[in-house]
Amino acid sequence: MSEPQPTESSEPSTGSTSDQIGDLSDAGTQHNVRELADVPSVEVISRAAVMLMSSGAEKLGLSEQDPDSAVTRDLDEARRLITALAGLVTSSVEYLGPHAGPIRDGLQTLQRAFREASAEPDPPGQGPGEKYTGPVY
């Protein structure tokens, strides 16, 4: 099946600017989809894990000299990110191969950092992501 070809016209464009932008973004989206199709699934999963891990660390304030006074610290957001990371890692561990170990280590480090940052730490097994990973001490 062939794609429609643009035609040249001496008439001024009747489409609005937003229509023209939409056409451009559709073309860009199709291009990105083709590129994403070439990326192996293990790389997509690993990138998602790294993004969740990095964001979780930021929300714990770990990027600052003093995490306790970090402006970016938000334990509620960190809990969500760590739980999402735990779910991703647990459900995809069989596909990660040699990447599984370092990603699990990073997850456990975040879980421990969350426990340390909490004024009242969760009981073992009830911390962020621990319903997927089991208790982290």
N, C-alpha and C. Protein backbone atom coordinates (compact mmCIF):
# COMPACT_ATOMS: atom_id res chain seq x y z
N MET A 1 0.85 -1.16 0.00
CA MET A 1 0.00 0.00 0.00
C MET A 1 0.90 1.23 0.00
N SER A 2 0.64 2.15 -0.89
CA SER A 2 1.48 3.33 -0.97
C SER A 2 0.87 4.47 -0.17
N GLU A 3 1.74 5.34 0.32
CA GLU A 3 1.28 6.51 1.07
C GLU A 3 0.87 7.60 0.10
N PRO A 4 -0.12 8.42 0.48
CA PRO A 4 -0.53 9.51 -0.40
C PRO A 4 0.63 10.48 -0.60
N GLN A 5 0.77 10.96 -1.79
CA GLN A 5 1.84 11.89 -2.12
C GLN A 5 1.30 13.32 -2.07
N PRO A 6 2.10 14.26 -1.58
CA PRO A 6 1.63 15.65 -1.57
C PRO A 6 1.52 16.17 -3.00
N THR A 7 0.56 17.02 -3.19
CA THR A 7 0.39 17.63 -4.51
C THR A 7 0.69 19.10 -4.40
N GLU A 8 1.24 19.65 -5.44
CA GLU A 8 1.53 21.08 -5.46
C GLU A 8 0.31 21.81 -5.99
N SER A 9 0.05 22.95 -5.41
CA SER A 9 -1.09 23.72 -5.83
C SER A 9 -0.70 25.19 -5.84
N SER A 10 -1.25 25.90 -6.80
CA SER A 10 -0.98 27.34 -6.84
C SER A 10 -1.93 28.08 -5.90
N GLU A 11 -2.93 27.35 -5.35
CA GLU A 11 -3.88 27.95 -4.42
C GLU A 11 -3.20 28.13 -3.06
N PRO A 12 -3.50 29.22 -2.36
CA PRO A 12 -2.97 29.36 -1.01
C PRO A 12 -3.56 28.27 -0.12
N SER A 13 -2.81 27.90 0.88
CA SER A 13 -3.26 26.87 1.80
C SER A 13 -4.50 27.31 2.54
N THR A 14 -5.50 26.43 2.56
CA THR A 14 -6.73 26.74 3.28
C THR A 14 -6.72 26.13 4.67
N GLY A 15 -5.73 25.28 4.94
CA GLY A 15 -5.66 24.66 6.26
C GLY A 15 -5.16 25.67 7.29
N SER A 16 -5.63 25.53 8.49
CA SER A 16 -5.18 26.43 9.55
C SER A 16 -3.77 26.05 9.98
N THR A 17 -3.16 26.94 10.72
CA THR A 17 -1.81 26.67 11.22
C THR A 17 -1.80 25.44 12.10
N SER A 18 -2.84 25.27 12.93
CA SER A 18 -2.89 24.10 13.80
C SER A 18 -2.99 22.81 12.98
N ASP A 19 -3.70 22.85 11.83
CA ASP A 19 -3.76 21.68 10.96
C ASP A 19 -2.38 21.35 10.42
N GLN A 20 -1.65 22.39 10.03
CA GLN A 20 -0.31 22.18 9.49
C GLN A 20 0.62 21.62 10.57
N ILE A 21 0.51 22.14 11.77
CA ILE A 21 1.34 21.63 12.87
C ILE A 21 0.97 20.19 13.17
N GLY A 22 -0.33 19.90 13.15
CA GLY A 22 -0.78 18.52 13.37
C GLY A 22 -0.18 17.58 12.35
N ASP A 23 -0.15 18.01 11.07
CA ASP A 23 0.44 17.18 10.03
C ASP A 23 1.91 16.92 10.32
N LEU A 24 2.63 17.94 10.78
CA LEU A 24 4.04 17.77 11.07
C LEU A 24 4.25 16.84 12.26
N SER A 25 3.44 17.00 13.31
CA SER A 25 3.61 16.16 14.48
C SER A 25 3.25 14.71 14.16
N ASP A 26 2.27 14.49 13.29
CA ASP A 26 1.94 13.13 12.89
C ASP A 26 3.13 12.48 12.18
N ALA A 27 3.78 13.23 11.32
CA ALA A 27 4.95 12.70 10.62
C ALA A 27 6.07 12.39 11.61
N GLY A 28 6.26 13.28 12.57
CA GLY A 28 7.29 13.06 13.59
C GLY A 28 6.98 11.86 14.45
N THR A 29 5.72 11.67 14.77
CA THR A 29 5.31 10.53 15.58
C THR A 29 5.57 9.24 14.83
N GLN A 30 5.23 9.21 13.56
CA GLN A 30 5.46 8.00 12.76
C GLN A 30 6.96 7.70 12.71
N HIS A 31 7.77 8.71 12.61
CA HIS A 31 9.22 8.51 12.57
C HIS A 31 9.70 7.93 13.89
N ASN A 32 9.22 8.47 15.01
CA ASN A 32 9.62 7.98 16.32
C ASN A 32 9.16 6.55 16.55
N VAL A 33 7.99 6.20 16.08
CA VAL A 33 7.48 4.84 16.24
C VAL A 33 8.37 3.86 15.50
N ARG A 34 8.79 4.22 14.34
CA ARG A 34 9.68 3.33 13.59
C ARG A 34 10.99 3.14 14.31
N GLU A 35 11.53 4.20 14.92
CA GLU A 35 12.77 4.07 15.65
C GLU A 35 12.58 3.21 16.90
N LEU A 36 11.49 3.40 17.62
CA LEU A 36 11.23 2.63 18.82
C LEU A 36 11.07 1.15 18.50
N ALA A 37 10.56 0.84 17.35
CA ALA A 37 10.39 -0.55 16.94
C ALA A 37 11.73 -1.26 16.81
N ASP A 38 12.78 -0.50 16.58
CA ASP A 38 14.11 -1.09 16.41
C ASP A 38 14.83 -1.32 17.75
N VAL A 39 14.28 -0.80 18.84
CA VAL A 39 14.94 -0.90 20.15
C VAL A 39 14.53 -2.21 20.80
N PRO A 40 15.50 -3.01 21.24
CA PRO A 40 15.16 -4.28 21.90
C PRO A 40 14.39 -4.04 23.20
N SER A 41 13.49 -4.95 23.51
CA SER A 41 12.64 -4.79 24.69
C SER A 41 13.44 -4.66 25.97
N VAL A 42 14.54 -5.39 26.09
CA VAL A 42 15.35 -5.31 27.31
C VAL A 42 15.89 -3.90 27.51
N GLU A 43 16.18 -3.21 26.43
CA GLU A 43 16.67 -1.84 26.53
C GLU A 43 15.55 -0.88 26.94
N VAL A 44 14.36 -1.10 26.42
CA VAL A 44 13.22 -0.26 26.81
C VAL A 44 12.92 -0.45 28.29
N ILE A 45 12.91 -1.70 28.75
CA ILE A 45 12.64 -1.99 30.16
C ILE A 45 13.74 -1.39 31.04
N SER A 46 14.98 -1.56 30.63
CA SER A 46 16.10 -1.01 31.41
C SER A 46 16.05 0.51 31.49
N ARG A 47 15.72 1.16 30.38
CA ARG A 47 15.62 2.63 30.39
C ARG A 47 14.50 3.10 31.30
N ALA A 48 13.37 2.39 31.25
CA ALA A 48 12.25 2.75 32.13
C ALA A 48 12.66 2.58 33.59
N ALA A 49 13.38 1.50 33.90
CA ALA A 49 13.83 1.27 35.27
C ALA A 49 14.79 2.38 35.72
N VAL A 50 15.71 2.75 34.86
CA VAL A 50 16.66 3.81 35.21
C VAL A 50 15.93 5.14 35.42
N MET A 51 14.94 5.42 34.60
CA MET A 51 14.17 6.65 34.76
C MET A 51 13.43 6.65 36.10
N LEU A 52 12.76 5.55 36.43
CA LEU A 52 12.06 5.45 37.71
C LEU A 52 13.04 5.55 38.88
N MET A 53 14.19 4.90 38.74
CA MET A 53 15.19 4.92 39.80
C MET A 53 15.74 6.33 40.01
N SER A 54 16.05 7.01 38.94
CA SER A 54 16.60 8.37 39.02
C SER A 54 15.57 9.33 39.61
N SER A 55 14.34 9.22 39.18
CA SER A 55 13.30 10.09 39.69
C SER A 55 13.04 9.80 41.17
N GLY A 56 13.05 8.54 41.55
CA GLY A 56 12.88 8.18 42.96
C GLY A 56 13.99 8.75 43.83
N ALA A 57 15.21 8.68 43.34
CA ALA A 57 16.34 9.24 44.08
C ALA A 57 16.19 10.75 44.24
N GLU A 58 15.75 11.42 43.18
CA GLU A 58 15.52 12.87 43.25
C GLU A 58 14.46 13.19 44.30
N LYS A 59 13.36 12.42 44.30
CA LYS A 59 12.27 12.68 45.24
C LYS A 59 12.67 12.36 46.68
N LEU A 60 13.69 11.53 46.86
CA LEU A 60 14.22 11.27 48.20
C LEU A 60 15.24 12.32 48.61
N GLY A 61 15.60 13.20 47.67
CA GLY A 61 16.57 14.25 47.97
C GLY A 61 18.01 13.78 47.89
N LEU A 62 18.24 12.62 47.29
CA LEU A 62 19.58 12.03 47.27
C LEU A 62 20.55 12.77 46.37
N SER A 63 20.06 13.69 45.56
CA SER A 63 20.95 14.44 44.68
C SER A 63 21.53 15.68 45.40
N GLU A 64 21.06 15.94 46.59
CA GLU A 64 21.51 17.12 47.35
C GLU A 64 22.55 16.73 48.38
N GLN A 65 23.35 17.72 48.81
CA GLN A 65 24.34 17.49 49.86
C GLN A 65 23.67 16.98 51.14
N ASP A 66 22.57 17.63 51.51
CA ASP A 66 21.82 17.24 52.71
C ASP A 66 20.41 16.83 52.28
N PRO A 67 20.18 15.53 52.12
CA PRO A 67 18.87 15.08 51.66
C PRO A 67 17.71 15.52 52.56
N ASP A 68 17.98 15.68 53.85
CA ASP A 68 16.91 16.07 54.78
C ASP A 68 16.36 17.46 54.51
N SER A 69 17.18 18.32 53.94
CA SER A 69 16.71 19.69 53.66
C SER A 69 16.53 19.95 52.16
N ALA A 70 16.50 18.88 51.38
CA ALA A 70 16.36 19.03 49.92
C ALA A 70 14.99 19.59 49.57
N VAL A 71 14.99 20.56 48.69
CA VAL A 71 13.75 21.17 48.21
C VAL A 71 12.92 20.15 47.42
N THR A 72 13.59 19.25 46.74
CA THR A 72 12.90 18.28 45.89
C THR A 72 12.36 17.08 46.66
N ARG A 73 12.62 17.00 47.94
CA ARG A 73 12.20 15.82 48.70
C ARG A 73 10.67 15.76 48.78
N ASP A 74 10.14 14.61 48.39
CA ASP A 74 8.70 14.36 48.44
C ASP A 74 8.52 12.85 48.62
N LEU A 75 8.35 12.44 49.86
CA LEU A 75 8.31 11.01 50.16
C LEU A 75 7.09 10.31 49.56
N ASP A 76 5.98 11.02 49.44
CA ASP A 76 4.79 10.42 48.83
C ASP A 76 5.07 10.07 47.36
N GLU A 77 5.68 11.01 46.65
CA GLU A 77 6.04 10.76 45.25
C GLU A 77 7.10 9.67 45.16
N ALA A 78 8.07 9.69 46.06
CA ALA A 78 9.12 8.67 46.06
C ALA A 78 8.52 7.28 46.25
N ARG A 79 7.56 7.18 47.16
CA ARG A 79 6.90 5.89 47.41
C ARG A 79 6.27 5.35 46.12
N ARG A 80 5.58 6.20 45.40
CA ARG A 80 4.94 5.78 44.15
C ARG A 80 5.96 5.30 43.12
N LEU A 81 7.03 6.06 42.98
CA LEU A 81 8.06 5.71 41.99
C LEU A 81 8.76 4.41 42.36
N ILE A 82 9.07 4.24 43.63
CA ILE A 82 9.75 3.01 44.08
C ILE A 82 8.83 1.81 43.91
N THR A 83 7.56 1.97 44.20
CA THR A 83 6.61 0.87 44.01
C THR A 83 6.48 0.51 42.54
N ALA A 84 6.42 1.51 41.67
CA ALA A 84 6.35 1.25 40.22
C ALA A 84 7.60 0.54 39.75
N LEU A 85 8.75 0.97 40.23
CA LEU A 85 10.02 0.33 39.87
C LEU A 85 10.03 -1.13 40.34
N ALA A 86 9.57 -1.37 41.55
CA ALA A 86 9.53 -2.74 42.07
C ALA A 86 8.64 -3.63 41.22
N GLY A 87 7.49 -3.10 40.82
CA GLY A 87 6.59 -3.88 39.96
C GLY A 87 7.22 -4.19 38.62
N LEU A 88 7.88 -3.19 38.03
CA LEU A 88 8.54 -3.39 36.74
C LEU A 88 9.65 -4.42 36.85
N VAL A 89 10.49 -4.28 37.85
CA VAL A 89 11.63 -5.18 38.01
C VAL A 89 11.15 -6.61 38.28
N THR A 90 10.19 -6.75 39.18
CA THR A 90 9.70 -8.08 39.53
C THR A 90 9.05 -8.77 38.33
N SER A 91 8.29 -8.02 37.56
CA SER A 91 7.59 -8.65 36.44
C SER A 91 8.47 -8.89 35.22
N SER A 92 9.62 -8.25 35.16
CA SER A 92 10.45 -8.39 33.97
C SER A 92 11.84 -8.96 34.26
N VAL A 93 12.06 -9.46 35.46
CA VAL A 93 13.40 -9.94 35.83
C VAL A 93 13.91 -11.02 34.88
N GLU A 94 13.04 -11.87 34.39
CA GLU A 94 13.48 -12.95 33.51
C GLU A 94 14.01 -12.44 32.17
N TYR A 95 13.61 -11.23 31.78
CA TYR A 95 14.03 -10.67 30.50
C TYR A 95 15.28 -9.81 30.62
N LEU A 96 15.61 -9.40 31.83
CA LEU A 96 16.70 -8.44 32.02
C LEU A 96 18.09 -9.06 31.96
N GLY A 97 18.19 -10.35 32.13
CA GLY A 97 19.49 -11.02 32.05
C GLY A 97 20.50 -10.41 33.00
N PRO A 98 21.68 -10.03 32.48
CA PRO A 98 22.73 -9.49 33.35
C PRO A 98 22.40 -8.12 33.94
N HIS A 99 21.36 -7.46 33.41
CA HIS A 99 20.97 -6.14 33.92
C HIS A 99 20.15 -6.27 35.21
N ALA A 100 19.60 -7.46 35.47
CA ALA A 100 18.70 -7.63 36.61
C ALA A 100 19.38 -7.34 37.94
N GLY A 101 20.59 -7.83 38.13
CA GLY A 101 21.29 -7.65 39.40
C GLY A 101 21.50 -6.19 39.78
N PRO A 102 22.13 -5.40 38.91
CA PRO A 102 22.33 -3.99 39.24
C PRO A 102 21.02 -3.21 39.42
N ILE A 103 20.01 -3.54 38.65
CA ILE A 103 18.72 -2.84 38.79
C ILE A 103 18.08 -3.21 40.12
N ARG A 104 18.14 -4.48 40.50
CA ARG A 104 17.61 -4.89 41.82
C ARG A 104 18.38 -4.22 42.94
N ASP A 105 19.70 -4.14 42.81
CA ASP A 105 20.51 -3.47 43.84
C ASP A 105 20.09 -2.00 43.98
N GLY A 106 19.87 -1.34 42.87
CA GLY A 106 19.44 0.05 42.90
C GLY A 106 18.08 0.20 43.56
N LEU A 107 17.18 -0.72 43.26
CA LEU A 107 15.85 -0.72 43.88
C LEU A 107 15.97 -0.88 45.39
N GLN A 108 16.75 -1.84 45.84
CA GLN A 108 16.91 -2.06 47.28
C GLN A 108 17.55 -0.85 47.96
N THR A 109 18.48 -0.22 47.29
CA THR A 109 19.10 0.98 47.84
C THR A 109 18.06 2.08 48.04
N LEU A 110 17.18 2.26 47.06
CA LEU A 110 16.11 3.25 47.19
C LEU A 110 15.15 2.87 48.31
N GLN A 111 14.82 1.60 48.42
CA GLN A 111 13.91 1.16 49.48
C GLN A 111 14.53 1.43 50.86
N ARG A 112 15.81 1.17 51.01
CA ARG A 112 16.49 1.45 52.30
C ARG A 112 16.56 2.95 52.57
N ALA A 113 16.86 3.72 51.53
CA ALA A 113 16.93 5.17 51.69
C ALA A 113 15.57 5.74 52.08
N PHE A 114 14.51 5.18 51.53
CA PHE A 114 13.16 5.62 51.89
C PHE A 114 12.90 5.33 53.37
N ARG A 115 13.28 4.15 53.81
CA ARG A 115 13.08 3.77 55.22
C ARG A 115 13.84 4.73 56.13
N GLU A 116 15.06 5.06 55.76
CA GLU A 116 15.86 5.99 56.57
C GLU A 116 15.28 7.40 56.57
N ALA A 117 14.70 7.81 55.46
CA ALA A 117 14.16 9.16 55.33
C ALA A 117 12.82 9.33 56.04
N SER A 118 12.13 8.23 56.30
CA SER A 118 10.80 8.30 56.89
C SER A 118 10.88 8.61 58.38
N ALA A 119 10.03 9.54 58.82
CA ALA A 119 9.95 9.86 60.25
C ALA A 119 9.46 8.64 61.02
N GLU A 120 8.50 7.94 60.46
CA GLU A 120 7.99 6.69 61.04
C GLU A 120 8.10 5.61 59.97
N PRO A 121 9.20 4.85 59.98
CA PRO A 121 9.38 3.83 58.94
C PRO A 121 8.23 2.81 58.92
N ASP A 122 7.91 2.36 57.71
CA ASP A 122 6.88 1.34 57.54
C ASP A 122 7.36 0.04 58.18
N PRO A 123 6.42 -0.77 58.66
CA PRO A 123 6.81 -2.10 59.15
C PRO A 123 7.43 -2.92 58.01
N PRO A 124 8.33 -3.85 58.32
CA PRO A 124 8.92 -4.69 57.28
C PRO A 124 7.83 -5.35 56.42
N GLY A 125 8.02 -5.28 55.12
CA GLY A 125 7.07 -5.85 54.18
C GLY A 125 6.00 -4.88 53.72
N GLN A 126 5.94 -3.67 54.33
CA GLN A 126 4.92 -2.71 53.95
C GLN A 126 5.51 -1.42 53.39
N GLY A 127 6.82 -1.39 53.18
CA GLY A 127 7.47 -0.23 52.58
C GLY A 127 7.18 -0.18 51.09
N PRO A 128 7.64 0.86 50.42
CA PRO A 128 7.37 1.00 48.99
C PRO A 128 7.93 -0.17 48.19
N GLY A 129 7.05 -0.80 47.43
CA GLY A 129 7.46 -1.90 46.56
C GLY A 129 7.66 -3.22 47.25
N GLU A 130 7.56 -3.26 48.57
CA GLU A 130 7.85 -4.50 49.28
C GLU A 130 6.79 -5.58 49.08
N LYS A 131 5.61 -5.18 48.61
CA LYS A 131 4.61 -6.22 48.31
C LYS A 131 5.04 -7.02 47.08
N TYR A 132 5.95 -6.46 46.28
CA TYR A 132 6.48 -7.16 45.11
C TYR A 132 7.83 -7.83 45.38
N THR A 133 8.64 -7.20 46.23
CA THR A 133 10.01 -7.68 46.43
C THR A 133 10.19 -8.46 47.73
N GLY A 134 9.24 -8.34 48.64
CA GLY A 134 9.42 -8.89 49.97
C GLY A 134 10.10 -7.84 50.84
N PRO A 135 10.20 -8.10 52.14
CA PRO A 135 10.76 -7.11 53.06
C PRO A 135 12.21 -6.76 52.73
N VAL A 136 12.54 -5.50 52.91
CA VAL A 136 13.91 -5.02 52.73
C VAL A 136 14.33 -4.41 54.05
N TYR A 137 15.44 -4.91 54.60
CA TYR A 137 15.90 -4.41 55.91
C TYR A 137 17.10 -3.52 55.77
